[in-house]
Amino acid sequence: MNTHRKTYSSIRDIKKTLTAKPGKRAATVKAA
């Protein structure tokens, strides 16, 4: 459950990032 929660948090972070900037989004996707 803890791991699942961590993953969900990461997904939210990525979503936040792609809403922020397209350039930053590419870097986030690469990191993930």
PDB file of N, CA and C in Angstrom:
ATOM      1  N   MET A   1       0.838  -1.204   0.000  1.00  0.00           N
ATOM      2  CA  MET A   1       0.000   0.000   0.000  1.00  0.00           C
ATOM      3  C   MET A   1       0.873   1.254   0.000  1.00  0.00           C
ATOM      4  N   ASN A   2       1.928   1.228   0.767  1.00  0.00           N
ATOM      5  CA  ASN A   2       2.820   2.384   0.835  1.00  0.00           C
ATOM      6  C   ASN A   2       3.438   2.663  -0.533  1.00  0.00           C
ATOM      7  N   THR A   3       3.853   1.599  -1.218  1.00  0.00           N
ATOM      8  CA  THR A   3       4.458   1.758  -2.538  1.00  0.00           C
ATOM      9  C   THR A   3       3.423   2.305  -3.513  1.00  0.00           C
ATOM     10  N   HIS A   4       2.210   1.789  -3.391  1.00  0.00           N
ATOM     11  CA  HIS A   4       1.141   2.225  -4.285  1.00  0.00           C
ATOM     12  C   HIS A   4       0.899   3.718  -4.109  1.00  0.00           C
ATOM     13  N   ARG A   5       0.918   4.145  -2.869  1.00  0.00           N
ATOM     14  CA  ARG A   5       0.673   5.549  -2.577  1.00  0.00           C
ATOM     15  C   ARG A   5       1.797   6.409  -3.156  1.00  0.00           C
ATOM     16  N   LYS A   6       3.001   5.905  -3.086  1.00  0.00           N
ATOM     17  CA  LYS A   6       4.160   6.628  -3.610  1.00  0.00           C
ATOM     18  C   LYS A   6       4.018   6.801  -5.121  1.00  0.00           C
ATOM     19  N   THR A   7       3.598   5.731  -5.787  1.00  0.00           N
ATOM     20  CA  THR A   7       3.423   5.779  -7.234  1.00  0.00           C
ATOM     21  C   THR A   7       2.364   6.806  -7.610  1.00  0.00           C
ATOM     22  N   TYR A   8       1.278   6.794  -6.866  1.00  0.00           N
ATOM     23  CA  TYR A   8       0.191   7.723  -7.142  1.00  0.00           C
ATOM     24  C   TYR A   8       0.675   9.154  -6.995  1.00  0.00           C
ATOM     25  N   SER A   9       1.488   9.374  -5.972  1.00  0.00           N
ATOM     26  CA  SER A   9       2.038  10.702  -5.724  1.00  0.00           C
ATOM     27  C   SER A   9       2.930  11.120  -6.890  1.00  0.00           C
ATOM     28  N   SER A  10       3.707  10.175  -7.409  1.00  0.00           N
ATOM     29  CA  SER A  10       4.592  10.465  -8.530  1.00  0.00           C
ATOM     30  C   SER A  10       3.786  10.834  -9.766  1.00  0.00           C
ATOM     31  N   ILE A  11       2.698  10.102  -9.975  1.00  0.00           N
ATOM     32  CA  ILE A  11       1.844  10.378 -11.135  1.00  0.00           C
ATOM     33  C   ILE A  11       1.279  11.790 -11.026  1.00  0.00           C
ATOM     34  N   ARG A  12       0.880  12.163  -9.830  1.00  0.00           N
ATOM     35  CA  ARG A  12       0.330  13.509  -9.640  1.00  0.00           C
ATOM     36  C   ARG A  12       1.400  14.553  -9.918  1.00  0.00           C
ATOM     37  N   ASP A  13       2.614  14.259  -9.498  1.00  0.00           N
ATOM     38  CA  ASP A  13       3.729  15.177  -9.745  1.00  0.00           C
ATOM     39  C   ASP A  13       3.962  15.344 -11.238  1.00  0.00           C
ATOM     40  N   ILE A  14       3.927  14.240 -11.954  1.00  0.00           N
ATOM     41  CA  ILE A  14       4.142  14.294 -13.400  1.00  0.00           C
ATOM     42  C   ILE A  14       3.040  15.103 -14.063  1.00  0.00           C
ATOM     43  N   LYS A  15       1.808  14.861 -13.635  1.00  0.00           N
ATOM     44  CA  LYS A  15       0.680  15.607 -14.210  1.00  0.00           C
ATOM     45  C   LYS A  15       0.855  17.095 -13.952  1.00  0.00           C
ATOM     46  N   LYS A  16       1.290  17.426 -12.739  1.00  0.00           N
ATOM     47  CA  LYS A  16       1.500  18.824 -12.371  1.00  0.00           C
ATOM     48  C   LYS A  16       2.582  19.420 -13.264  1.00  0.00           C
ATOM     49  N   THR A  17       3.602  18.626 -13.521  1.00  0.00           N
ATOM     50  CA  THR A  17       4.714  19.099 -14.338  1.00  0.00           C
ATOM     51  C   THR A  17       4.278  19.314 -15.771  1.00  0.00           C
ATOM     52  N   LEU A  18       3.477  18.404 -16.305  1.00  0.00           N
ATOM     53  CA  LEU A  18       3.100  18.603 -17.695  1.00  0.00           C
ATOM     54  C   LEU A  18       2.118  19.721 -17.855  1.00  0.00           C
ATOM     55  N   THR A  19       1.461  20.089 -16.790  1.00  0.00           N
ATOM     56  CA  THR A  19       0.583  21.246 -16.878  1.00  0.00           C
ATOM     57  C   THR A  19       1.432  22.507 -16.816  1.00  0.00           C
ATOM     58  N   ALA A  20       2.554  22.412 -16.130  1.00  0.00           N
ATOM     59  CA  ALA A  20       3.426  23.565 -15.938  1.00  0.00           C
ATOM     60  C   ALA A  20       4.127  23.979 -17.229  1.00  0.00           C
ATOM     61  N   LYS A  21       4.954  23.095 -17.788  1.00  0.00           N
ATOM     62  CA  LYS A  21       5.717  23.471 -18.982  1.00  0.00           C
ATOM     63  C   LYS A  21       5.983  22.267 -19.876  1.00  0.00           C
ATOM     64  N   PRO A  22       5.801  22.430 -21.175  1.00  0.00           N
ATOM     65  CA  PRO A  22       6.032  21.340 -22.130  1.00  0.00           C
ATOM     66  C   PRO A  22       7.482  20.871 -22.111  1.00  0.00           C
ATOM     67  N   GLY A  23       8.415  21.800 -22.015  1.00  0.00           N
ATOM     68  CA  GLY A  23       9.832  21.441 -22.016  1.00  0.00           C
ATOM     69  C   GLY A  23      10.184  20.625 -20.790  1.00  0.00           C
ATOM     70  N   LYS A  24       9.640  21.053 -19.648  1.00  0.00           N
ATOM     71  CA  LYS A  24       9.901  20.345 -18.407  1.00  0.00           C
ATOM     72  C   LYS A  24       9.263  18.973 -18.454  1.00  0.00           C
ATOM     73  N   ARG A  25       8.132  18.885 -19.110  1.00  0.00           N
ATOM     74  CA  ARG A  25       7.399  17.632 -19.207  1.00  0.00           C
ATOM     75  C   ARG A  25       8.245  16.554 -19.896  1.00  0.00           C
ATOM     76  N   ALA A  26       8.924  16.920 -20.947  1.00  0.00           N
ATOM     77  CA  ALA A  26       9.747  15.957 -21.677  1.00  0.00           C
ATOM     78  C   ALA A  26      10.814  15.374 -20.749  1.00  0.00           C
ATOM     79  N   ALA A  27      11.400  16.213 -19.939  1.00  0.00           N
ATOM     80  CA  ALA A  27      12.424  15.765 -19.002  1.00  0.00           C
ATOM     81  C   ALA A  27      11.821  14.823 -17.968  1.00  0.00           C
ATOM     82  N   THR A  28      10.602  15.135 -17.527  1.00  0.00           N
ATOM     83  CA  THR A  28       9.950  14.299 -16.518  1.00  0.00           C
ATOM     84  C   THR A  28       9.627  12.936 -17.097  1.00  0.00           C
ATOM     85  N   VAL A  29       9.135  12.912 -18.311  1.00  0.00           N
ATOM     86  CA  VAL A  29       8.785  11.642 -18.952  1.00  0.00           C
ATOM     87  C   VAL A  29      10.039  10.794 -19.136  1.00  0.00           C
ATOM     88  N   LYS A  30      11.137  11.448 -19.493  1.00  0.00           N
ATOM     89  CA  LYS A  30      12.398  10.736 -19.690  1.00  0.00           C
ATOM     90  C   LYS A  30      12.866  10.123 -18.372  1.00  0.00           C
ATOM     91  N   ALA A  31      12.732  10.908 -17.304  1.00  0.00           N
ATOM     92  CA  ALA A  31      13.161  10.439 -15.987  1.00  0.00           C
ATOM     93  C   ALA A  31      12.310   9.252 -15.551  1.00  0.00           C
ATOM     94  N   ALA A  32      11.023   9.303 -15.882  1.00  0.00           N
ATOM     95  CA  ALA A  32      10.115   8.227 -15.485  1.00  0.00           C
ATOM     96  C   ALA A  32      10.304   7.044 -16.434  1.00  0.00           C
TER      97      ALA A  32
END
